[in-house]
Amino acid sequence: MAKNKYNIKMFLMILFPLIVSIVIDRLIATATIYNKPNIGNVADFIIKIWKYACIVYWYWVGKKYGGFYRGRTKSFILGNVLWGIGFVFYIIIFFLTDSNSRINFIKVIPWFNQLAQGYSLGFVRWSSLIISLFTKNIESRIAVIVSYVLMLIVFSIGFYNGKK
């Protein structure tokens, strides 16, 4: 039973960035639909905190998965599988479909879009800063790809430091 609770805890740790992005998305939607600027301010505040906290948090998660008892390769894959699925959805939605198909795809299955973009939310600001070193024209699709790469790097550093 204790092992099962530990596995659930580990799963919830990798799910947390997606939960944060869903909460932010819902707060922004509520503020927009119901014209409630205070709710929008709360979402803005969470984003400002999350863009810093996400790096520390994702490093910590990587470190925890580095010490996970499942073996090095399996632990690394388990720690990255959820956002990896989101990354695949992102590529499919934003690179492999045209705009009409993309809109229909998002309408039919909106949580694919949330999964595709949600994980990288905390890293988008940092990826934009990195891209701005090379060009003044920052394309959001590329910024999200760079965000996913940053996630992998931060997780990997934490994972390496968590392995004993």
N, C-alpha and C. Protein backbone atom coordinates (compact mmCIF):
# COMPACT_ATOMS: atom_id res chain seq x y z
N MET A 1 0.82 -1.20 0.00
CA MET A 1 0.00 0.00 0.00
C MET A 1 0.87 1.26 0.00
N ALA A 2 1.95 1.27 0.79
CA ALA A 2 2.82 2.44 0.86
C ALA A 2 3.50 2.68 -0.48
N LYS A 3 3.85 1.60 -1.17
CA LYS A 3 4.48 1.71 -2.48
C LYS A 3 3.52 2.34 -3.48
N ASN A 4 2.25 1.97 -3.39
CA ASN A 4 1.23 2.51 -4.28
C ASN A 4 1.02 4.00 -4.03
N LYS A 5 1.02 4.42 -2.77
CA LYS A 5 0.89 5.84 -2.43
C LYS A 5 2.08 6.63 -2.97
N TYR A 6 3.26 6.03 -2.90
CA TYR A 6 4.46 6.68 -3.41
C TYR A 6 4.37 6.86 -4.92
N ASN A 7 3.86 5.84 -5.62
CA ASN A 7 3.70 5.95 -7.07
C ASN A 7 2.69 7.03 -7.44
N ILE A 8 1.61 7.14 -6.69
CA ILE A 8 0.61 8.19 -6.94
C ILE A 8 1.22 9.56 -6.68
N LYS A 9 1.99 9.68 -5.62
CA LYS A 9 2.66 10.94 -5.31
C LYS A 9 3.61 11.33 -6.44
N MET A 10 4.35 10.39 -6.95
CA MET A 10 5.28 10.67 -8.05
C MET A 10 4.52 11.10 -9.31
N PHE A 11 3.40 10.46 -9.57
CA PHE A 11 2.58 10.83 -10.73
C PHE A 11 2.02 12.24 -10.58
N LEU A 12 1.53 12.56 -9.39
CA LEU A 12 0.98 13.89 -9.14
C LEU A 12 2.05 14.98 -9.28
N MET A 13 3.29 14.64 -8.95
CA MET A 13 4.36 15.61 -9.10
C MET A 13 4.56 16.00 -10.57
N ILE A 14 4.47 15.04 -11.47
CA ILE A 14 4.65 15.40 -12.88
C ILE A 14 3.38 15.98 -13.49
N LEU A 15 2.26 15.80 -12.82
CA LEU A 15 1.00 16.35 -13.30
C LEU A 15 0.81 17.82 -12.85
N PHE A 16 1.49 18.24 -11.83
CA PHE A 16 1.30 19.55 -11.23
C PHE A 16 1.46 20.72 -12.23
N PRO A 17 2.48 20.75 -13.10
CA PRO A 17 2.58 21.87 -14.06
C PRO A 17 1.35 21.98 -14.96
N LEU A 18 0.78 20.86 -15.33
CA LEU A 18 -0.43 20.88 -16.15
C LEU A 18 -1.60 21.44 -15.35
N ILE A 19 -1.71 21.06 -14.09
CA ILE A 19 -2.78 21.56 -13.23
C ILE A 19 -2.66 23.08 -13.07
N VAL A 20 -1.45 23.57 -12.87
CA VAL A 20 -1.24 25.02 -12.74
C VAL A 20 -1.69 25.73 -14.00
N SER A 21 -1.33 25.19 -15.17
CA SER A 21 -1.72 25.86 -16.43
C SER A 21 -3.23 25.80 -16.65
N ILE A 22 -3.87 24.73 -16.23
CA ILE A 22 -5.34 24.64 -16.36
C ILE A 22 -6.01 25.67 -15.45
N VAL A 23 -5.51 25.81 -14.22
CA VAL A 23 -6.07 26.80 -13.30
C VAL A 23 -5.90 28.21 -13.88
N ILE A 24 -4.72 28.51 -14.39
CA ILE A 24 -4.48 29.83 -14.99
C ILE A 24 -5.41 30.06 -16.18
N ASP A 25 -5.53 29.05 -17.03
CA ASP A 25 -6.40 29.15 -18.21
C ASP A 25 -7.85 29.41 -17.80
N ARG A 26 -8.33 28.69 -16.79
CA ARG A 26 -9.72 28.87 -16.35
C ARG A 26 -9.94 30.23 -15.70
N LEU A 27 -8.95 30.70 -14.95
CA LEU A 27 -9.06 32.03 -14.34
C LEU A 27 -9.13 33.11 -15.43
N ILE A 28 -8.29 33.00 -16.44
CA ILE A 28 -8.31 33.98 -17.53
C ILE A 28 -9.63 33.91 -18.29
N ALA A 29 -10.11 32.71 -18.57
CA ALA A 29 -11.39 32.57 -19.27
C ALA A 29 -12.53 33.17 -18.45
N THR A 30 -12.54 32.90 -17.16
CA THR A 30 -13.58 33.44 -16.28
C THR A 30 -13.52 34.96 -16.23
N ALA A 31 -12.30 35.50 -16.11
CA ALA A 31 -12.14 36.95 -16.07
C ALA A 31 -12.62 37.60 -17.36
N THR A 32 -12.35 36.94 -18.48
CA THR A 32 -12.74 37.49 -19.78
C THR A 32 -14.24 37.38 -20.01
N ILE A 33 -14.80 36.23 -19.76
CA ILE A 33 -16.22 35.99 -20.03
C ILE A 33 -17.11 36.84 -19.12
N TYR A 34 -16.77 36.88 -17.85
CA TYR A 34 -17.62 37.57 -16.88
C TYR A 34 -17.14 38.99 -16.55
N ASN A 35 -16.15 39.46 -17.28
CA ASN A 35 -15.61 40.81 -17.10
C ASN A 35 -15.24 41.06 -15.63
N LYS A 36 -14.40 40.19 -15.11
CA LYS A 36 -13.95 40.26 -13.72
C LYS A 36 -12.43 40.49 -13.70
N PRO A 37 -11.99 41.74 -13.74
CA PRO A 37 -10.55 42.01 -13.80
C PRO A 37 -9.77 41.51 -12.58
N ASN A 38 -10.41 41.43 -11.43
CA ASN A 38 -9.71 40.92 -10.24
C ASN A 38 -9.29 39.47 -10.42
N ILE A 39 -10.12 38.68 -11.07
CA ILE A 39 -9.77 37.28 -11.34
C ILE A 39 -8.61 37.23 -12.33
N GLY A 40 -8.64 38.12 -13.30
CA GLY A 40 -7.52 38.22 -14.25
C GLY A 40 -6.24 38.60 -13.55
N ASN A 41 -6.33 39.47 -12.55
CA ASN A 41 -5.15 39.86 -11.77
C ASN A 41 -4.58 38.68 -10.99
N VAL A 42 -5.46 37.82 -10.48
CA VAL A 42 -5.01 36.62 -9.76
C VAL A 42 -4.26 35.71 -10.74
N ALA A 43 -4.80 35.52 -11.94
CA ALA A 43 -4.14 34.69 -12.95
C ALA A 43 -2.78 35.28 -13.31
N ASP A 44 -2.72 36.58 -13.47
CA ASP A 44 -1.47 37.26 -13.79
C ASP A 44 -0.43 37.06 -12.68
N PHE A 45 -0.89 37.15 -11.43
CA PHE A 45 -0.01 36.94 -10.28
C PHE A 45 0.54 35.52 -10.26
N ILE A 46 -0.33 34.55 -10.52
CA ILE A 46 0.11 33.14 -10.54
C ILE A 46 1.14 32.92 -11.65
N ILE A 47 0.91 33.52 -12.82
CA ILE A 47 1.86 33.38 -13.92
C ILE A 47 3.22 33.98 -13.53
N LYS A 48 3.21 35.14 -12.89
CA LYS A 48 4.46 35.78 -12.49
C LYS A 48 5.25 34.92 -11.51
N ILE A 49 4.55 34.29 -10.60
CA ILE A 49 5.22 33.41 -9.64
C ILE A 49 5.67 32.12 -10.34
N TRP A 50 4.79 31.56 -11.17
CA TRP A 50 5.05 30.26 -11.79
C TRP A 50 6.25 30.29 -12.72
N LYS A 51 6.50 31.41 -13.40
CA LYS A 51 7.62 31.45 -14.34
C LYS A 51 8.96 31.30 -13.62
N TYR A 52 9.00 31.61 -12.33
CA TYR A 52 10.22 31.38 -11.55
C TYR A 52 10.16 30.04 -10.81
N ALA A 53 9.02 29.78 -10.22
CA ALA A 53 8.87 28.56 -9.41
C ALA A 53 8.95 27.29 -10.25
N CYS A 54 8.54 27.37 -11.51
CA CYS A 54 8.52 26.16 -12.34
C CYS A 54 9.90 25.58 -12.54
N ILE A 55 10.91 26.44 -12.66
CA ILE A 55 12.27 25.94 -12.86
C ILE A 55 12.74 25.18 -11.62
N VAL A 56 12.54 25.79 -10.48
CA VAL A 56 12.93 25.15 -9.22
C VAL A 56 12.12 23.87 -9.01
N TYR A 57 10.82 23.97 -9.27
CA TYR A 57 9.95 22.81 -9.09
C TYR A 57 10.35 21.66 -10.02
N TRP A 58 10.58 21.96 -11.29
CA TRP A 58 10.88 20.90 -12.26
C TRP A 58 12.24 20.28 -11.98
N TYR A 59 13.18 21.07 -11.51
CA TYR A 59 14.47 20.54 -11.08
C TYR A 59 14.26 19.57 -9.91
N TRP A 60 13.44 19.99 -8.94
CA TRP A 60 13.15 19.16 -7.77
C TRP A 60 12.48 17.85 -8.18
N VAL A 61 11.53 17.93 -9.13
CA VAL A 61 10.87 16.72 -9.61
C VAL A 61 11.90 15.80 -10.27
N GLY A 62 12.77 16.37 -11.08
CA GLY A 62 13.83 15.58 -11.71
C GLY A 62 14.71 14.91 -10.67
N LYS A 63 15.01 15.64 -9.61
CA LYS A 63 15.83 15.08 -8.53
C LYS A 63 15.11 13.93 -7.83
N LYS A 64 13.81 14.12 -7.59
CA LYS A 64 13.02 13.04 -6.97
C LYS A 64 12.99 11.80 -7.88
N TYR A 65 12.78 12.01 -9.17
CA TYR A 65 12.76 10.88 -10.09
C TYR A 65 14.14 10.26 -10.24
N GLY A 66 15.19 11.04 -10.05
CA GLY A 66 16.55 10.50 -10.07
C GLY A 66 16.76 9.51 -8.93
N GLY A 67 16.09 9.74 -7.81
CA GLY A 67 16.20 8.84 -6.66
C GLY A 67 15.11 7.78 -6.63
N PHE A 68 14.25 7.76 -7.66
CA PHE A 68 13.15 6.80 -7.74
C PHE A 68 13.73 5.39 -7.87
N TYR A 69 13.13 4.45 -7.25
CA TYR A 69 13.66 3.09 -7.15
C TYR A 69 13.39 2.22 -8.38
N ARG A 70 12.94 2.77 -9.48
CA ARG A 70 12.55 1.99 -10.65
C ARG A 70 13.69 1.69 -11.62
N GLY A 71 14.85 2.17 -11.37
CA GLY A 71 15.95 2.02 -12.31
C GLY A 71 16.11 3.31 -13.09
N ARG A 72 17.32 3.56 -13.52
CA ARG A 72 17.66 4.84 -14.14
C ARG A 72 16.82 5.15 -15.37
N THR A 73 16.79 4.26 -16.34
CA THR A 73 16.07 4.52 -17.59
C THR A 73 14.57 4.61 -17.37
N LYS A 74 14.03 3.66 -16.64
CA LYS A 74 12.59 3.65 -16.40
C LYS A 74 12.15 4.89 -15.61
N SER A 75 12.91 5.30 -14.62
CA SER A 75 12.58 6.50 -13.85
C SER A 75 12.60 7.74 -14.74
N PHE A 76 13.60 7.84 -15.61
CA PHE A 76 13.70 8.99 -16.49
C PHE A 76 12.51 9.04 -17.45
N ILE A 77 12.15 7.91 -18.00
CA ILE A 77 11.01 7.86 -18.93
C ILE A 77 9.71 8.18 -18.20
N LEU A 78 9.51 7.60 -17.02
CA LEU A 78 8.29 7.88 -16.24
C LEU A 78 8.17 9.35 -15.89
N GLY A 79 9.27 9.99 -15.58
CA GLY A 79 9.25 11.40 -15.23
C GLY A 79 8.96 12.32 -16.40
N ASN A 80 9.17 11.84 -17.61
CA ASN A 80 9.00 12.68 -18.79
C ASN A 80 7.88 12.23 -19.72
N VAL A 81 7.20 11.17 -19.40
CA VAL A 81 6.21 10.61 -20.32
C VAL A 81 5.01 11.52 -20.53
N LEU A 82 4.49 12.12 -19.47
CA LEU A 82 3.29 12.94 -19.61
C LEU A 82 3.53 14.18 -20.46
N TRP A 83 4.57 14.94 -20.13
CA TRP A 83 4.84 16.12 -20.94
C TRP A 83 5.33 15.70 -22.33
N GLY A 84 5.92 14.53 -22.44
CA GLY A 84 6.32 14.02 -23.76
C GLY A 84 5.11 13.77 -24.64
N ILE A 85 4.04 13.26 -24.05
CA ILE A 85 2.78 13.07 -24.79
C ILE A 85 2.23 14.44 -25.20
N GLY A 86 2.29 15.40 -24.28
CA GLY A 86 1.87 16.76 -24.60
C GLY A 86 2.68 17.35 -25.75
N PHE A 87 3.97 17.08 -25.76
CA PHE A 87 4.84 17.57 -26.83
C PHE A 87 4.45 16.96 -28.18
N VAL A 88 4.15 15.68 -28.18
CA VAL A 88 3.69 15.02 -29.42
C VAL A 88 2.39 15.65 -29.90
N PHE A 89 1.45 15.87 -28.99
CA PHE A 89 0.20 16.56 -29.37
C PHE A 89 0.47 17.95 -29.91
N TYR A 90 1.43 18.64 -29.31
CA TYR A 90 1.76 19.99 -29.78
C TYR A 90 2.26 19.95 -31.22
N ILE A 91 3.15 19.03 -31.50
CA ILE A 91 3.68 18.90 -32.87
C ILE A 91 2.55 18.57 -33.83
N ILE A 92 1.69 17.65 -33.46
CA ILE A 92 0.56 17.28 -34.34
C ILE A 92 -0.36 18.47 -34.56
N ILE A 93 -0.75 19.14 -33.48
CA ILE A 93 -1.73 20.23 -33.58
C ILE A 93 -1.16 21.44 -34.31
N PHE A 94 0.06 21.83 -34.00
CA PHE A 94 0.57 23.12 -34.50
C PHE A 94 1.55 23.01 -35.66
N PHE A 95 2.00 21.81 -36.00
CA PHE A 95 2.94 21.69 -37.12
C PHE A 95 2.43 20.76 -38.22
N LEU A 96 1.62 19.78 -37.87
CA LEU A 96 1.21 18.79 -38.86
C LEU A 96 -0.22 18.95 -39.35
N THR A 97 -0.94 19.93 -38.84
CA THR A 97 -2.31 20.16 -39.31
C THR A 97 -2.44 21.59 -39.81
N ASP A 98 -3.32 21.78 -40.77
CA ASP A 98 -3.58 23.15 -41.24
C ASP A 98 -4.50 23.86 -40.25
N SER A 99 -4.70 25.16 -40.43
CA SER A 99 -5.46 25.92 -39.43
C SER A 99 -6.90 25.48 -39.29
N ASN A 100 -7.57 25.09 -40.37
CA ASN A 100 -8.95 24.63 -40.26
C ASN A 100 -9.04 23.32 -39.49
N SER A 101 -8.15 22.39 -39.81
CA SER A 101 -8.14 21.11 -39.09
C SER A 101 -7.78 21.31 -37.63
N ARG A 102 -6.85 22.25 -37.38
CA ARG A 102 -6.43 22.53 -36.01
C ARG A 102 -7.60 23.02 -35.18
N ILE A 103 -8.37 23.95 -35.72
CA ILE A 103 -9.52 24.50 -35.00
C ILE A 103 -10.54 23.40 -34.73
N ASN A 104 -10.83 22.57 -35.71
CA ASN A 104 -11.77 21.47 -35.52
C ASN A 104 -11.24 20.47 -34.49
N PHE A 105 -9.96 20.18 -34.54
CA PHE A 105 -9.33 19.24 -33.62
C PHE A 105 -9.46 19.76 -32.18
N ILE A 106 -9.17 21.05 -32.00
CA ILE A 106 -9.23 21.65 -30.66
C ILE A 106 -10.68 21.72 -30.16
N LYS A 107 -11.62 21.98 -31.06
CA LYS A 107 -13.03 22.02 -30.66
C LYS A 107 -13.51 20.65 -30.20
N VAL A 108 -13.11 19.61 -30.92
CA VAL A 108 -13.59 18.26 -30.61
C VAL A 108 -12.94 17.74 -29.33
N ILE A 109 -11.65 17.94 -29.19
CA ILE A 109 -10.95 17.42 -28.03
C ILE A 109 -10.10 18.54 -27.42
N PRO A 110 -10.71 19.45 -26.66
CA PRO A 110 -9.97 20.62 -26.14
C PRO A 110 -8.87 20.27 -25.16
N TRP A 111 -8.98 19.18 -24.45
CA TRP A 111 -7.94 18.86 -23.47
C TRP A 111 -6.64 18.43 -24.14
N PHE A 112 -6.68 18.01 -25.43
CA PHE A 112 -5.43 17.76 -26.17
C PHE A 112 -4.63 19.04 -26.27
N ASN A 113 -5.33 20.13 -26.57
CA ASN A 113 -4.67 21.43 -26.68
C ASN A 113 -4.11 21.86 -25.33
N GLN A 114 -4.87 21.65 -24.26
CA GLN A 114 -4.38 22.01 -22.92
C GLN A 114 -3.16 21.19 -22.56
N LEU A 115 -3.19 19.91 -22.87
CA LEU A 115 -2.04 19.05 -22.60
C LEU A 115 -0.85 19.48 -23.45
N ALA A 116 -1.12 19.84 -24.71
CA ALA A 116 -0.05 20.22 -25.63
C ALA A 116 0.65 21.50 -25.21
N GLN A 117 -0.10 22.47 -24.72
CA GLN A 117 0.50 23.76 -24.38
C GLN A 117 0.70 23.98 -22.89
N GLY A 118 -0.01 23.25 -22.08
CA GLY A 118 0.00 23.50 -20.64
C GLY A 118 1.31 23.23 -19.94
N TYR A 119 1.97 22.16 -20.28
CA TYR A 119 3.20 21.82 -19.57
C TYR A 119 4.29 22.86 -19.73
N SER A 120 4.36 23.47 -20.87
CA SER A 120 5.47 24.39 -21.14
C SER A 120 5.21 25.81 -20.67
N LEU A 121 4.05 26.10 -20.11
CA LEU A 121 3.68 27.47 -19.75
C LEU A 121 4.74 28.17 -18.89
N GLY A 122 5.24 27.53 -17.88
CA GLY A 122 6.21 28.16 -16.99
C GLY A 122 7.55 28.42 -17.63
N PHE A 123 7.84 27.76 -18.73
CA PHE A 123 9.14 27.91 -19.39
C PHE A 123 9.08 28.82 -20.62
N VAL A 124 7.90 29.24 -21.01
CA VAL A 124 7.77 30.04 -22.24
C VAL A 124 8.51 31.37 -22.12
N ARG A 125 8.42 32.02 -20.98
CA ARG A 125 9.14 33.29 -20.80
C ARG A 125 10.64 33.11 -20.99
N TRP A 126 11.17 32.03 -20.44
CA TRP A 126 12.61 31.79 -20.54
C TRP A 126 13.01 31.43 -21.97
N SER A 127 12.18 30.67 -22.63
CA SER A 127 12.50 30.32 -24.02
C SER A 127 12.43 31.56 -24.91
N SER A 128 11.50 32.46 -24.63
CA SER A 128 11.40 33.70 -25.39
C SER A 128 12.65 34.56 -25.19
N LEU A 129 13.16 34.59 -23.97
CA LEU A 129 14.39 35.33 -23.71
C LEU A 129 15.57 34.72 -24.47
N ILE A 130 15.64 33.41 -24.50
CA ILE A 130 16.72 32.74 -25.23
C ILE A 130 16.60 33.03 -26.73
N ILE A 131 15.41 32.91 -27.27
CA ILE A 131 15.21 33.17 -28.70
C ILE A 131 15.53 34.62 -29.04
N SER A 132 15.20 35.54 -28.12
CA SER A 132 15.45 36.96 -28.38
C SER A 132 16.95 37.28 -28.47
N LEU A 133 17.80 36.40 -27.98
CA LEU A 133 19.24 36.59 -28.15
C LEU A 133 19.66 36.42 -29.61
N PHE A 134 18.86 35.68 -30.38
CA PHE A 134 19.21 35.37 -31.76
C PHE A 134 18.37 36.11 -32.79
N THR A 135 17.18 36.52 -32.43
CA THR A 135 16.30 37.20 -33.38
C THR A 135 15.31 38.09 -32.63
N LYS A 136 14.81 39.09 -33.33
CA LYS A 136 13.80 39.96 -32.72
C LYS A 136 12.40 39.44 -33.00
N ASN A 137 12.28 38.55 -33.95
CA ASN A 137 10.99 37.98 -34.33
C ASN A 137 10.82 36.64 -33.61
N ILE A 138 10.03 36.63 -32.55
CA ILE A 138 9.82 35.41 -31.77
C ILE A 138 8.50 34.78 -32.19
N GLU A 139 8.59 33.60 -32.77
CA GLU A 139 7.38 32.87 -33.17
C GLU A 139 6.95 32.00 -31.99
N SER A 140 5.70 32.10 -31.61
CA SER A 140 5.22 31.39 -30.42
C SER A 140 5.36 29.88 -30.55
N ARG A 141 5.16 29.34 -31.74
CA ARG A 141 5.29 27.88 -31.91
C ARG A 141 6.71 27.42 -31.59
N ILE A 142 7.69 28.19 -32.02
CA ILE A 142 9.08 27.84 -31.75
C ILE A 142 9.40 28.05 -30.27
N ALA A 143 8.84 29.08 -29.67
CA ALA A 143 9.07 29.34 -28.24
C ALA A 143 8.58 28.16 -27.39
N VAL A 144 7.47 27.58 -27.78
CA VAL A 144 6.96 26.42 -27.02
C VAL A 144 7.89 25.22 -27.20
N ILE A 145 8.40 25.02 -28.41
CA ILE A 145 9.35 23.92 -28.64
C ILE A 145 10.59 24.11 -27.76
N VAL A 146 11.12 25.32 -27.75
CA VAL A 146 12.28 25.62 -26.91
C VAL A 146 11.92 25.42 -25.43
N SER A 147 10.70 25.74 -25.05
CA SER A 147 10.25 25.53 -23.67
C SER A 147 10.30 24.05 -23.29
N TYR A 148 9.85 23.21 -24.19
CA TYR A 148 9.92 21.77 -23.93
C TYR A 148 11.37 21.30 -23.80
N VAL A 149 12.26 21.84 -24.62
CA VAL A 149 13.68 21.49 -24.52
C VAL A 149 14.23 21.94 -23.17
N LEU A 150 13.86 23.15 -22.74
CA LEU A 150 14.30 23.63 -21.43
C LEU A 150 13.78 22.74 -20.31
N MET A 151 12.54 22.30 -20.44
CA MET A 151 11.99 21.37 -19.44
C MET A 151 12.83 20.11 -19.34
N LEU A 152 13.20 19.58 -20.49
CA LEU A 152 14.02 18.37 -20.52
C LEU A 152 15.38 18.62 -19.88
N ILE A 153 15.98 19.76 -20.19
CA ILE A 153 17.29 20.09 -19.62
C ILE A 153 17.22 20.24 -18.11
N VAL A 154 16.25 21.00 -17.62
CA VAL A 154 16.12 21.23 -16.17
C VAL A 154 15.83 19.91 -15.46
N PHE A 155 14.91 19.11 -16.02
CA PHE A 155 14.60 17.81 -15.42
C PHE A 155 15.84 16.92 -15.40
N SER A 156 16.58 16.90 -16.50
CA SER A 156 17.76 16.05 -16.61
C SER A 156 18.83 16.44 -15.59
N ILE A 157 19.03 17.74 -15.39
CA ILE A 157 20.00 18.19 -14.39
C ILE A 157 19.57 17.73 -12.99
N GLY A 158 18.28 17.92 -12.69
CA GLY A 158 17.77 17.45 -11.40
C GLY A 158 17.88 15.94 -11.27
N PHE A 159 17.55 15.23 -12.34
CA PHE A 159 17.62 13.77 -12.35
C PHE A 159 19.05 13.30 -12.06
N TYR A 160 20.00 13.91 -12.74
CA TYR A 160 21.40 13.55 -12.56
C TYR A 160 21.83 13.80 -11.12
N ASN A 161 21.42 14.93 -10.55
CA ASN A 161 21.77 15.25 -9.18
C ASN A 161 21.03 14.38 -8.15
N GLY A 162 19.90 13.82 -8.55
CA GLY A 162 19.13 12.96 -7.65
C GLY A 162 19.64 11.53 -7.62
N LYS A 163 20.34 11.13 -8.66
CA LYS A 163 20.91 9.78 -8.70
C LYS A 163 22.09 9.71 -7.75
N LYS A 164 22.09 8.73 -6.93
CA LYS A 164 23.17 8.61 -5.94
C LYS A 164 24.28 7.74 -6.45
